[in-house]
Amino acid sequence: IRERLNTFLTESVGRENLDQNRFEQELIYFIDKLDI
């Protein structure tokens, strides 16, 4: 999931425009929603 989202954002906004901290926060929130 991490790799898929990272690739999508990189292709969409560019790596230089990616806020890594915000990305990690959103990733944690997203993964928490998928916790089983």
Full PDB file with SEQRES, HELIX, SHEET, SSBOND, CRYST1, ORIGX, SCALE, CONECT and MASTER records, all heavy atoms in Angstrom:
SEQRES   1 A   36  ILE ARG GLU ARG LEU ASN THR PHE LEU THR GLU SER VAL          
SEQRES   2 A   36  GLY ARG GLU ASN LEU ASP GLN ASN ARG PHE GLU GLN GLU          
SEQRES   3 A   36  LEU ILE TYR PHE ILE ASP LYS LEU ASP ILE                      
HELIX    1 AA1 ARG A    2  VAL A   13  1                                  12    
HELIX    2 AA2 ARG A   15  ASN A   17  5                                   3    
HELIX    3 AA3 GLN A   20  LYS A   33  1                                  14    
CRYST1    1.000    1.000    1.000  90.00  90.00  90.00 P 1           1          
ORIGX1      1.000000  0.000000  0.000000        0.00000                         
ORIGX2      0.000000  1.000000  0.000000        0.00000                         
ORIGX3      0.000000  0.000000  1.000000        0.00000                         
SCALE1      1.000000  0.000000  0.000000        0.00000                         
SCALE2      0.000000  1.000000  0.000000        0.00000                         
SCALE3      0.000000  0.000000  1.000000        0.00000                         
ATOM      1  N   ILE A   1       0.828  -1.204   0.000  1.00  0.00           N  
ATOM      2  CA  ILE A   1       0.000   0.000   0.000  1.00  0.00           C  
ATOM      3  C   ILE A   1       0.864   1.256   0.000  1.00  0.00           C  
ATOM      4  O   ILE A   1       0.609   2.225  -0.721  1.00  0.00           O  
ATOM      5  CB  ILE A   1      -0.954  -0.008   1.219  1.00  0.00           C  
ATOM      6  CG1 ILE A   1      -1.976  -1.142   1.094  1.00  0.00           C  
ATOM      7  CG2 ILE A   1      -1.662   1.336   1.362  1.00  0.00           C  
ATOM      8  CD1 ILE A   1      -2.815  -1.362   2.330  1.00  0.00           C  
ATOM      9  N   ARG A   2       1.909   1.225   0.820  1.00  0.00           N  
ATOM     10  CA  ARG A   2       2.821   2.377   0.916  1.00  0.00           C  
ATOM     11  C   ARG A   2       3.455   2.676  -0.448  1.00  0.00           C  
ATOM     12  O   ARG A   2       3.491   3.826  -0.902  1.00  0.00           O  
ATOM     13  CB  ARG A   2       3.896   2.085   1.953  1.00  0.00           C  
ATOM     14  CG  ARG A   2       4.895   3.230   2.133  1.00  0.00           C  
ATOM     15  CD  ARG A   2       6.031   2.775   3.042  1.00  0.00           C  
ATOM     16  NE  ARG A   2       6.962   3.856   3.238  1.00  0.00           N  
ATOM     17  CZ  ARG A   2       6.907   4.742   4.224  1.00  0.00           C  
ATOM     18  NH1 ARG A   2       5.951   4.658   5.131  1.00  0.00           N  
ATOM     19  NH2 ARG A   2       7.796   5.708   4.326  1.00  0.00           N  
ATOM     20  N   GLU A   3       3.947   1.628  -1.090  1.00  0.00           N  
ATOM     21  CA  GLU A   3       4.614   1.796  -2.378  1.00  0.00           C  
ATOM     22  C   GLU A   3       3.634   2.291  -3.440  1.00  0.00           C  
ATOM     23  O   GLU A   3       3.968   3.153  -4.250  1.00  0.00           O  
ATOM     24  CB  GLU A   3       5.230   0.462  -2.806  1.00  0.00           C  
ATOM     25  CG  GLU A   3       5.987   0.511  -4.127  1.00  0.00           C  
ATOM     26  CD  GLU A   3       7.169   1.487  -4.082  1.00  0.00           C  
ATOM     27  OE1 GLU A   3       7.753   1.689  -2.987  1.00  0.00           O  
ATOM     28  OE2 GLU A   3       7.489   2.058  -5.147  1.00  0.00           O  
ATOM     29  N   ARG A   4       2.431   1.765  -3.405  1.00  0.00           N  
ATOM     30  CA  ARG A   4       1.430   2.148  -4.398  1.00  0.00           C  
ATOM     31  C   ARG A   4       1.038   3.622  -4.250  1.00  0.00           C  
ATOM     32  O   ARG A   4       0.963   4.366  -5.239  1.00  0.00           O  
ATOM     33  CB  ARG A   4       0.203   1.254  -4.245  1.00  0.00           C  
ATOM     34  CG  ARG A   4      -0.786   1.390  -5.387  1.00  0.00           C  
ATOM     35  CD  ARG A   4      -1.800   0.263  -5.364  1.00  0.00           C  
ATOM     36  NE  ARG A   4      -2.540   0.238  -4.108  1.00  0.00           N  
ATOM     37  CZ  ARG A   4      -2.957  -0.862  -3.495  1.00  0.00           C  
ATOM     38  NH1 ARG A   4      -2.670  -2.044  -4.030  1.00  0.00           N  
ATOM     39  NH2 ARG A   4      -3.644  -0.796  -2.378  1.00  0.00           N  
ATOM     40  N   LEU A   5       0.817   4.063  -3.012  1.00  0.00           N  
ATOM     41  CA  LEU A   5       0.454   5.456  -2.775  1.00  0.00           C  
ATOM     42  C   LEU A   5       1.615   6.396  -3.099  1.00  0.00           C  
ATOM     43  O   LEU A   5       1.414   7.490  -3.655  1.00  0.00           O  
ATOM     44  CB  LEU A   5       0.022   5.637  -1.315  1.00  0.00           C  
ATOM     45  CG  LEU A   5      -1.329   5.018  -0.917  1.00  0.00           C  
ATOM     46  CD1 LEU A   5      -1.561   5.170   0.584  1.00  0.00           C  
ATOM     47  CD2 LEU A   5      -2.470   5.662  -1.685  1.00  0.00           C  
ATOM     48  N   ASN A   6       2.818   5.992  -2.731  1.00  0.00           N  
ATOM     49  CA  ASN A   6       4.001   6.802  -2.978  1.00  0.00           C  
ATOM     50  C   ASN A   6       4.206   7.012  -4.477  1.00  0.00           C  
ATOM     51  O   ASN A   6       4.500   8.124  -4.942  1.00  0.00           O  
ATOM     52  CB  ASN A   6       5.221   6.134  -2.348  1.00  0.00           C  
ATOM     53  CG  ASN A   6       6.404   7.089  -2.244  1.00  0.00           C  
ATOM     54  OD1 ASN A   6       6.234   8.315  -2.238  1.00  0.00           O  
ATOM     55  ND2 ASN A   6       7.605   6.541  -2.188  1.00  0.00           N  
ATOM     56  N   THR A   7       4.035   5.938  -5.240  1.00  0.00           N  
ATOM     57  CA  THR A   7       4.186   6.013  -6.695  1.00  0.00           C  
ATOM     58  C   THR A   7       3.120   6.928  -7.303  1.00  0.00           C  
ATOM     59  O   THR A   7       3.405   7.748  -8.176  1.00  0.00           O  
ATOM     60  CB  THR A   7       4.084   4.609  -7.313  1.00  0.00           C  
ATOM     61  OG1 THR A   7       5.099   3.781  -6.746  1.00  0.00           O  
ATOM     62  CG2 THR A   7       4.245   4.659  -8.820  1.00  0.00           C  
ATOM     63  N   PHE A   8       1.899   6.764  -6.814  1.00  0.00           N  
ATOM     64  CA  PHE A   8       0.803   7.571  -7.335  1.00  0.00           C  
ATOM     65  C   PHE A   8       1.026   9.070  -7.083  1.00  0.00           C  
ATOM     66  O   PHE A   8       0.869   9.900  -7.987  1.00  0.00           O  
ATOM     67  CB  PHE A   8      -0.511   7.125  -6.685  1.00  0.00           C  
ATOM     68  CG  PHE A   8      -1.680   7.991  -7.034  1.00  0.00           C  
ATOM     69  CD1 PHE A   8      -2.293   7.894  -8.272  1.00  0.00           C  
ATOM     70  CD2 PHE A   8      -2.154   8.938  -6.128  1.00  0.00           C  
ATOM     71  CE1 PHE A   8      -3.382   8.708  -8.592  1.00  0.00           C  
ATOM     72  CE2 PHE A   8      -3.230   9.750  -6.443  1.00  0.00           C  
ATOM     73  CZ  PHE A   8      -3.845   9.635  -7.681  1.00  0.00           C  
ATOM     74  N   LEU A   9       1.442   9.410  -5.855  1.00  0.00           N  
ATOM     75  CA  LEU A   9       1.658  10.823  -5.516  1.00  0.00           C  
ATOM     76  C   LEU A   9       2.862  11.395  -6.257  1.00  0.00           C  
ATOM     77  O   LEU A   9       2.856  12.562  -6.683  1.00  0.00           O  
ATOM     78  CB  LEU A   9       1.841  10.966  -4.001  1.00  0.00           C  
ATOM     79  CG  LEU A   9       0.581  10.720  -3.160  1.00  0.00           C  
ATOM     80  CD1 LEU A   9       0.922  10.717  -1.677  1.00  0.00           C  
ATOM     81  CD2 LEU A   9      -0.479  11.786  -3.449  1.00  0.00           C  
ATOM     82  N   THR A  10       3.894  10.594  -6.389  1.00  0.00           N  
ATOM     83  CA  THR A  10       5.089  11.057  -7.106  1.00  0.00           C  
ATOM     84  C   THR A  10       4.749  11.383  -8.550  1.00  0.00           C  
ATOM     85  O   THR A  10       5.187  12.407  -9.099  1.00  0.00           O  
ATOM     86  CB  THR A  10       6.188   9.981  -7.048  1.00  0.00           C  
ATOM     87  OG1 THR A  10       6.529   9.748  -5.678  1.00  0.00           O  
ATOM     88  CG2 THR A  10       7.430  10.441  -7.795  1.00  0.00           C  
ATOM     89  N   GLU A  11       3.981  10.511  -9.164  1.00  0.00           N  
ATOM     90  CA  GLU A  11       3.603  10.739 -10.550  1.00  0.00           C  
ATOM     91  C   GLU A  11       2.606  11.887 -10.681  1.00  0.00           C  
ATOM     92  O   GLU A  11       2.562  12.558 -11.714  1.00  0.00           O  
ATOM     93  CB  GLU A  11       3.000   9.457 -11.136  1.00  0.00           C  
ATOM     94  CG  GLU A  11       4.005   8.320 -11.277  1.00  0.00           C  
ATOM     95  CD  GLU A  11       3.355   7.036 -11.771  1.00  0.00           C  
ATOM     96  OE1 GLU A  11       2.099   7.012 -11.870  1.00  0.00           O  
ATOM     97  OE2 GLU A  11       4.088   6.063 -12.043  1.00  0.00           O  
ATOM     98  N   SER A  12       1.822  12.109  -9.661  1.00  0.00           N  
ATOM     99  CA  SER A  12       0.781  13.140  -9.732  1.00  0.00           C  
ATOM    100  C   SER A  12       1.314  14.539  -9.425  1.00  0.00           C  
ATOM    101  O   SER A  12       1.033  15.493 -10.163  1.00  0.00           O  
ATOM    102  CB  SER A  12      -0.354  12.808  -8.757  1.00  0.00           C  
ATOM    103  OG  SER A  12      -0.946  11.566  -9.079  1.00  0.00           O  
ATOM    104  N   VAL A  13       2.086  14.697  -8.340  1.00  0.00           N  
ATOM    105  CA  VAL A  13       2.527  16.027  -7.913  1.00  0.00           C  
ATOM    106  C   VAL A  13       4.046  16.216  -7.988  1.00  0.00           C  
ATOM    107  O   VAL A  13       4.535  17.336  -7.824  1.00  0.00           O  
ATOM    108  CB  VAL A  13       2.051  16.316  -6.476  1.00  0.00           C  
ATOM    109  CG1 VAL A  13       0.542  16.236  -6.391  1.00  0.00           C  
ATOM    110  CG2 VAL A  13       2.674  15.346  -5.473  1.00  0.00           C  
ATOM    111  N   GLY A  14       4.768  15.094  -8.226  1.00  0.00           N  
ATOM    112  CA  GLY A  14       6.226  15.194  -8.275  1.00  0.00           C  
ATOM    113  C   GLY A  14       6.827  14.988  -6.886  1.00  0.00           C  
ATOM    114  O   GLY A  14       6.270  15.426  -5.884  1.00  0.00           O  
ATOM    115  N   ARG A  15       7.979  14.334  -6.842  1.00  0.00           N  
ATOM    116  CA  ARG A  15       8.596  14.020  -5.554  1.00  0.00           C  
ATOM    117  C   ARG A  15       9.000  15.282  -4.805  1.00  0.00           C  
ATOM    118  O   ARG A  15       8.919  15.344  -3.574  1.00  0.00           O  
ATOM    119  CB  ARG A  15       9.820  13.133  -5.788  1.00  0.00           C  
ATOM    120  CG  ARG A  15      10.545  12.711  -4.506  1.00  0.00           C  
ATOM    121  CD  ARG A  15      11.595  11.655  -4.787  1.00  0.00           C  
ATOM    122  NE  ARG A  15      10.967  10.424  -5.262  1.00  0.00           N  
ATOM    123  CZ  ARG A  15      10.463   9.480  -4.443  1.00  0.00           C  
ATOM    124  NH1 ARG A  15      10.473   9.682  -3.127  1.00  0.00           N  
ATOM    125  NH2 ARG A  15       9.938   8.380  -4.925  1.00  0.00           N  
ATOM    126  N   GLU A  16       9.423  16.317  -5.534  1.00  0.00           N  
ATOM    127  CA  GLU A  16       9.879  17.543  -4.874  1.00  0.00           C  
ATOM    128  C   GLU A  16       8.724  18.273  -4.178  1.00  0.00           C  
ATOM    129  O   GLU A  16       8.934  19.057  -3.250  1.00  0.00           O  
ATOM    130  CB  GLU A  16      10.572  18.473  -5.869  1.00  0.00           C  
ATOM    131  CG  GLU A  16       9.693  19.016  -6.976  1.00  0.00           C  
ATOM    132  CD  GLU A  16       9.472  18.030  -8.114  1.00  0.00           C  
ATOM    133  OE1 GLU A  16      10.002  16.888  -8.024  1.00  0.00           O  
ATOM    134  OE2 GLU A  16       8.775  18.381  -9.084  1.00  0.00           O  
ATOM    135  N   ASN A  17       7.502  18.028  -4.634  1.00  0.00           N  
ATOM    136  CA  ASN A  17       6.343  18.692  -4.032  1.00  0.00           C  
ATOM    137  C   ASN A  17       5.653  17.842  -2.966  1.00  0.00           C  
ATOM    138  O   ASN A  17       4.622  18.240  -2.427  1.00  0.00           O  
ATOM    139  CB  ASN A  17       5.321  19.045  -5.114  1.00  0.00           C  
ATOM    140  CG  ASN A  17       5.880  20.031  -6.117  1.00  0.00           C  
ATOM    141  OD1 ASN A  17       6.582  20.967  -5.734  1.00  0.00           O  
ATOM    142  ND2 ASN A  17       5.590  19.815  -7.394  1.00  0.00           N  
ATOM    143  N   LEU A  18       6.210  16.694  -2.679  1.00  0.00           N  
ATOM    144  CA  LEU A  18       5.582  15.767  -1.739  1.00  0.00           C  
ATOM    145  C   LEU A  18       6.048  16.064  -0.320  1.00  0.00           C  
ATOM    146  O   LEU A  18       7.247  16.080  -0.032  1.00  0.00           O  
ATOM    147  CB  LEU A  18       5.938  14.317  -2.122  1.00  0.00           C  
ATOM    148  CG  LEU A  18       5.360  13.219  -1.237  1.00  0.00           C  
ATOM    149  CD1 LEU A  18       3.826  13.233  -1.288  1.00  0.00           C  
ATOM    150  CD2 LEU A  18       5.873  11.851  -1.701  1.00  0.00           C  
ATOM    151  N   ASP A  19       5.100  16.310   0.576  1.00  0.00           N  
ATOM    152  CA  ASP A  19       5.383  16.515   2.003  1.00  0.00           C  
ATOM    153  C   ASP A  19       5.438  15.138   2.658  1.00  0.00           C  
ATOM    154  O   ASP A  19       4.416  14.501   2.909  1.00  0.00           O  
ATOM    155  CB  ASP A  19       4.280  17.360   2.634  1.00  0.00           C  
ATOM    156  CG  ASP A  19       4.613  17.736   4.090  1.00  0.00           C  
ATOM    157  OD1 ASP A  19       5.377  16.989   4.731  1.00  0.00           O  
ATOM    158  OD2 ASP A  19       4.073  18.739   4.579  1.00  0.00           O  
ATOM    159  N   GLN A  20       6.663  14.709   2.941  1.00  0.00           N  
ATOM    160  CA  GLN A  20       6.856  13.357   3.451  1.00  0.00           C  
ATOM    161  C   GLN A  20       6.189  13.141   4.800  1.00  0.00           C  
ATOM    162  O   GLN A  20       5.615  12.082   5.058  1.00  0.00           O  
ATOM    163  CB  GLN A  20       8.361  13.048   3.556  1.00  0.00           C  
ATOM    164  CG  GLN A  20       8.691  11.572   3.721  1.00  0.00           C  
ATOM    165  CD  GLN A  20       8.260  10.736   2.518  1.00  0.00           C  
ATOM    166  OE1 GLN A  20       8.324  11.193   1.374  1.00  0.00           O  
ATOM    167  NE2 GLN A  20       7.792   9.522   2.787  1.00  0.00           N  
ATOM    168  N   ASN A  21       6.266  14.145   5.686  1.00  0.00           N  
ATOM    169  CA  ASN A  21       5.636  14.012   7.007  1.00  0.00           C  
ATOM    170  C   ASN A  21       4.119  13.863   6.877  1.00  0.00           C  
ATOM    171  O   ASN A  21       3.508  13.022   7.544  1.00  0.00           O  
ATOM    172  CB  ASN A  21       5.968  15.218   7.884  1.00  0.00           C  
ATOM    173  CG  ASN A  21       7.422  15.230   8.303  1.00  0.00           C  
ATOM    174  OD1 ASN A  21       8.056  14.172   8.414  1.00  0.00           O  
ATOM    175  ND2 ASN A  21       7.978  16.413   8.531  1.00  0.00           N  
ATOM    176  N   ARG A  22       3.540  14.718   6.036  1.00  0.00           N  
ATOM    177  CA  ARG A  22       2.086  14.633   5.823  1.00  0.00           C  
ATOM    178  C   ARG A  22       1.701  13.289   5.186  1.00  0.00           C  
ATOM    179  O   ARG A  22       0.684  12.685   5.524  1.00  0.00           O  
ATOM    180  CB  ARG A  22       1.649  15.786   4.923  1.00  0.00           C  
ATOM    181  CG  ARG A  22       0.157  15.799   4.601  1.00  0.00           C  
ATOM    182  CD  ARG A  22      -0.665  16.045   5.868  1.00  0.00           C  
ATOM    183  NE  ARG A  22      -2.088  15.988   5.602  1.00  0.00           N  
ATOM    184  CZ  ARG A  22      -2.783  17.032   5.179  1.00  0.00           C  
ATOM    185  NH1 ARG A  22      -2.186  18.221   4.973  1.00  0.00           N  
ATOM    186  NH2 ARG A  22      -4.075  16.926   4.972  1.00  0.00           N  
ATOM    187  N   PHE A  23       2.573  12.861   4.285  1.00  0.00           N  
ATOM    188  CA  PHE A  23       2.338  11.567   3.628  1.00  0.00           C  
ATOM    189  C   PHE A  23       2.317  10.433   4.654  1.00  0.00           C  
ATOM    190  O   PHE A  23       1.458   9.558   4.626  1.00  0.00           O  
ATOM    191  CB  PHE A  23       3.416  11.303   2.573  1.00  0.00           C  
ATOM    192  CG  PHE A  23       3.367   9.908   1.992  1.00  0.00           C  
ATOM    193  CD1 PHE A  23       2.321   9.538   1.143  1.00  0.00           C  
ATOM    194  CD2 PHE A  23       4.349   8.977   2.299  1.00  0.00           C  
ATOM    195  CE1 PHE A  23       2.279   8.257   0.608  1.00  0.00           C  
ATOM    196  CE2 PHE A  23       4.290   7.698   1.769  1.00  0.00           C  
ATOM    197  CZ  PHE A  23       3.261   7.336   0.918  1.00  0.00           C  
ATOM    198  N   GLU A  24       3.272  10.445   5.593  1.00  0.00           N  
ATOM    199  CA  GLU A  24       3.342   9.404   6.624  1.00  0.00           C  
ATOM    200  C   GLU A  24       2.103   9.452   7.519  1.00  0.00           C  
ATOM    201  O   GLU A  24       1.552   8.407   7.898  1.00  0.00           O  
ATOM    202  CB  GLU A  24       4.605   9.576   7.460  1.00  0.00           C  
ATOM    203  CG  GLU A  24       5.905   9.340   6.704  1.00  0.00           C  
ATOM    204  CD  GLU A  24       6.077   7.896   6.272  1.00  0.00           C  
ATOM    205  OE1 GLU A  24       5.412   7.022   6.875  1.00  0.00           O  
ATOM    206  OE2 GLU A  24       6.839   7.636   5.334  1.00  0.00           O  
ATOM    207  N   GLN A  25       1.655  10.652   7.857  1.00  0.00           N  
ATOM    208  CA  GLN A  25       0.473  10.793   8.703  1.00  0.00           C  
ATOM    209  C   GLN A  25      -0.777  10.226   8.014  1.00  0.00           C  
ATOM    210  O   GLN A  25      -1.572   9.494   8.613  1.00  0.00           O  
ATOM    211  CB  GLN A  25       0.245  12.263   9.050  1.00  0.00           C  
ATOM    212  CG  GLN A  25       1.289  12.837   9.995  1.00  0.00           C  
ATOM    213  CD  GLN A  25       1.097  14.339  10.199  1.00  0.00           C  
ATOM    214  OE1 GLN A  25       0.180  14.939   9.643  1.00  0.00           O  
ATOM    215  NE2 GLN A  25       1.971  14.934  10.998  1.00  0.00           N  
ATOM    216  N   GLU A  26      -0.927  10.592   6.746  1.00  0.00           N  
ATOM    217  CA  GLU A  26      -2.090  10.110   5.990  1.00  0.00           C  
ATOM    218  C   GLU A  26      -2.022   8.601   5.787  1.00  0.00           C  
ATOM    219  O   GLU A  26      -3.043   7.906   5.810  1.00  0.00           O  
ATOM    220  CB  GLU A  26      -2.167  10.813   4.639  1.00  0.00           C  
ATOM    221  CG  GLU A  26      -2.473  12.297   4.714  1.00  0.00           C  
ATOM    222  CD  GLU A  26      -3.848  12.557   5.288  1.00  0.00           C  
ATOM    223  OE1 GLU A  26      -4.738  11.675   5.157  1.00  0.00           O  
ATOM    224  OE2 GLU A  26      -4.053  13.632   5.879  1.00  0.00           O  
ATOM    225  N   LEU A  27      -0.819   8.107   5.615  1.00  0.00           N  
ATOM    226  CA  LEU A  27      -0.634   6.669   5.427  1.00  0.00           C  
ATOM    227  C   LEU A  27      -1.041   5.904   6.688  1.00  0.00           C  
ATOM    228  O   LEU A  27      -1.713   4.874   6.614  1.00  0.00           O  
ATOM    229  CB  LEU A  27       0.829   6.365   5.065  1.00  0.00           C  
ATOM    230  CG  LEU A  27       1.165   4.887   4.823  1.00  0.00           C  
ATOM    231  CD1 LEU A  27       0.371   4.365   3.630  1.00  0.00           C  
ATOM    232  CD2 LEU A  27       2.667   4.716   4.584  1.00  0.00           C  
ATOM    233  N   ILE A  28      -0.614   6.422   7.840  1.00  0.00           N  
ATOM    234  CA  ILE A  28      -0.983   5.783   9.111  1.00  0.00           C  
ATOM    235  C   ILE A  28      -2.496   5.785   9.285  1.00  0.00           C  
ATOM    236  O   ILE A  28      -3.097   4.784   9.700  1.00  0.00           O  
ATOM    237  CB  ILE A  28      -0.297   6.511  10.295  1.00  0.00           C  
ATOM    238  CG1 ILE A  28       1.216   6.279  10.236  1.00  0.00           C  
ATOM    239  CG2 ILE A  28      -0.871   6.038  11.626  1.00  0.00           C  
ATOM    240  CD1 ILE A  28       1.991   7.121  11.233  1.00  0.00           C  
ATOM    241  N   TYR A  29      -3.123   6.923   8.963  1.00  0.00           N  
ATOM    242  CA  TYR A  29      -4.584   7.033   9.077  1.00  0.00           C  
ATOM    243  C   TYR A  29      -5.280   6.036   8.137  1.00  0.00           C  
ATOM    244  O   TYR A  29      -6.241   5.349   8.518  1.00  0.00           O  
ATOM    245  CB  TYR A  29      -5.012   8.458   8.742  1.00  0.00           C  
ATOM    246  CG  TYR A  29      -6.497   8.669   8.746  1.00  0.00           C  
ATOM    247  CD1 TYR A  29      -7.183   8.827   9.941  1.00  0.00           C  
ATOM    248  CD2 TYR A  29      -7.206   8.701   7.542  1.00  0.00           C  
ATOM    249  CE1 TYR A  29      -8.568   9.014   9.944  1.00  0.00           C  
ATOM    250  CE2 TYR A  29      -8.572   8.885   7.541  1.00  0.00           C  
ATOM    251  CZ  TYR A  29      -9.244   9.046   8.743  1.00  0.00           C  
ATOM    252  OH  TYR A  29     -10.605   9.224   8.739  1.00  0.00           O  
ATOM    253  N   PHE A  30      -4.778   5.937   6.920  1.00  0.00           N  
ATOM    254  CA  PHE A  30      -5.368   5.041   5.921  1.00  0.00           C  
ATOM    255  C   PHE A  30      -5.220   3.578   6.337  1.00  0.00           C  
ATOM    256  O   PHE A  30      -6.174   2.792   6.256  1.00  0.00           O  
ATOM    257  CB  PHE A  30      -4.703   5.289   4.561  1.00  0.00           C  
ATOM    258  CG  PHE A  30      -5.256   4.448   3.454  1.00  0.00           C  
ATOM    259  CD1 PHE A  30      -6.529   4.692   2.943  1.00  0.00           C  
ATOM    260  CD2 PHE A  30      -4.509   3.413   2.912  1.00  0.00           C  
ATOM    261  CE1 PHE A  30      -7.044   3.915   1.912  1.00  0.00           C  
ATOM    262  CE2 PHE A  30      -5.013   2.636   1.883  1.00  0.00           C  
ATOM    263  CZ  PHE A  30      -6.283   2.888   1.386  1.00  0.00           C  
ATOM    264  N   ILE A  31      -4.039   3.218   6.791  1.00  0.00           N  
ATOM    265  CA  ILE A  31      -3.778   1.834   7.196  1.00  0.00           C  
ATOM    266  C   ILE A  31      -4.598   1.466   8.429  1.00  0.00           C  
ATOM    267  O   ILE A  31      -5.078   0.338   8.570  1.00  0.00           O  
ATOM    268  CB  ILE A  31      -2.271   1.617   7.448  1.00  0.00           C  
ATOM    269  CG1 ILE A  31      -1.510   1.711   6.115  1.00  0.00           C  
ATOM    270  CG2 ILE A  31      -2.018   0.277   8.110  1.00  0.00           C  
ATOM    271  CD1 ILE A  31      -0.011   1.660   6.264  1.00  0.00           C  
ATOM    272  N   ASP A  32      -4.785   2.450   9.328  1.00  0.00           N  
ATOM    273  CA  ASP A  32      -5.603   2.207  10.518  1.00  0.00           C  
ATOM    274  C   ASP A  32      -7.037   1.860  10.138  1.00  0.00           C  
ATOM    275  O   ASP A  32      -7.684   1.028  10.782  1.00  0.00           O  
ATOM    276  CB  ASP A  32      -5.570   3.434  11.427  1.00  0.00           C  
ATOM    277  CG  ASP A  32      -6.318   3.202  12.728  1.00  0.00           C  
ATOM    278  OD1 ASP A  32      -5.913   2.306  13.491  1.00  0.00           O  
ATOM    279  OD2 ASP A  32      -7.319   3.911  12.975  1.00  0.00           O  
ATOM    280  N   LYS A  33      -7.540   2.493   9.076  1.00  0.00           N  
ATOM    281  CA  LYS A  33      -8.886   2.208   8.603  1.00  0.00           C  
ATOM    282  C   LYS A  33      -9.002   0.789   8.043  1.00  0.00           C  
ATOM    283  O   LYS A  33     -10.092   0.203   8.023  1.00  0.00           O  
ATOM    284  CB  LYS A  33      -9.297   3.212   7.516  1.00  0.00           C  
ATOM    285  CG  LYS A  33      -9.545   4.630   8.025  1.00  0.00           C  
ATOM    286  CD  LYS A  33     -10.795   4.685   8.868  1.00  0.00           C  
ATOM    287  CE  LYS A  33     -11.112   6.104   9.295  1.00  0.00           C  
ATOM    288  NZ  LYS A  33     -12.317   6.159  10.170  1.00  0.00           N  
ATOM    289  N   LEU A  34      -7.881   0.256   7.589  1.00  0.00           N  
ATOM    290  CA  LEU A  34      -7.881  -1.077   7.001  1.00  0.00           C  
ATOM    291  C   LEU A  34      -7.482  -2.163   8.011  1.00  0.00           C  
ATOM    292  O   LEU A  34      -7.379  -3.336   7.640  1.00  0.00           O  
ATOM    293  CB  LEU A  34      -6.904  -1.127   5.812  1.00  0.00           C  
ATOM    294  CG  LEU A  34      -7.207  -0.184   4.640  1.00  0.00           C  
ATOM    295  CD1 LEU A  34      -6.140  -0.346   3.566  1.00  0.00           C  
ATOM    296  CD2 LEU A  34      -8.579  -0.469   4.063  1.00  0.00           C  
ATOM    297  N   ASP A  35      -7.285  -1.768   9.247  1.00  0.00           N  
ATOM    298  CA  ASP A  35      -6.867  -2.739  10.270  1.00  0.00           C  
ATOM    299  C   ASP A  35      -7.971  -3.772  10.512  1.00  0.00           C  
ATOM    300  O   ASP A  35      -9.146  -3.423  10.671  1.00  0.00           O  
ATOM    301  CB  ASP A  35      -6.553  -2.010  11.577  1.00  0.00           C  
ATOM    302  CG  ASP A  35      -6.051  -2.973  12.640  1.00  0.00           C  
ATOM    303  OD1 ASP A  35      -4.960  -3.534  12.455  1.00  0.00           O  
ATOM    304  OD2 ASP A  35      -6.771  -3.167  13.641  1.00  0.00           O  
ATOM    305  N   ILE A  36      -7.601  -5.042  10.512  1.00  0.00           N  
ATOM    306  CA  ILE A  36      -8.584  -6.124  10.666  1.00  0.00           C  
ATOM    307  C   ILE A  36      -8.339  -6.948  11.932  1.00  0.00           C  
ATOM    308  O   ILE A  36      -8.853  -8.051  12.051  1.00  0.00           O  
ATOM    309  CB  ILE A  36      -8.563  -7.048   9.425  1.00  0.00           C  
ATOM    310  CG1 ILE A  36      -7.149  -7.599   9.192  1.00  0.00           C  
ATOM    311  CG2 ILE A  36      -9.073  -6.322   8.196  1.00  0.00           C  
ATOM    312  CD1 ILE A  36      -7.077  -8.623   8.073  1.00  0.00           C  
TER     313      ILE A  36                                                      
MASTER        0    0    0    3    0    0    0    6  312    1    0    3          
END                                                                             
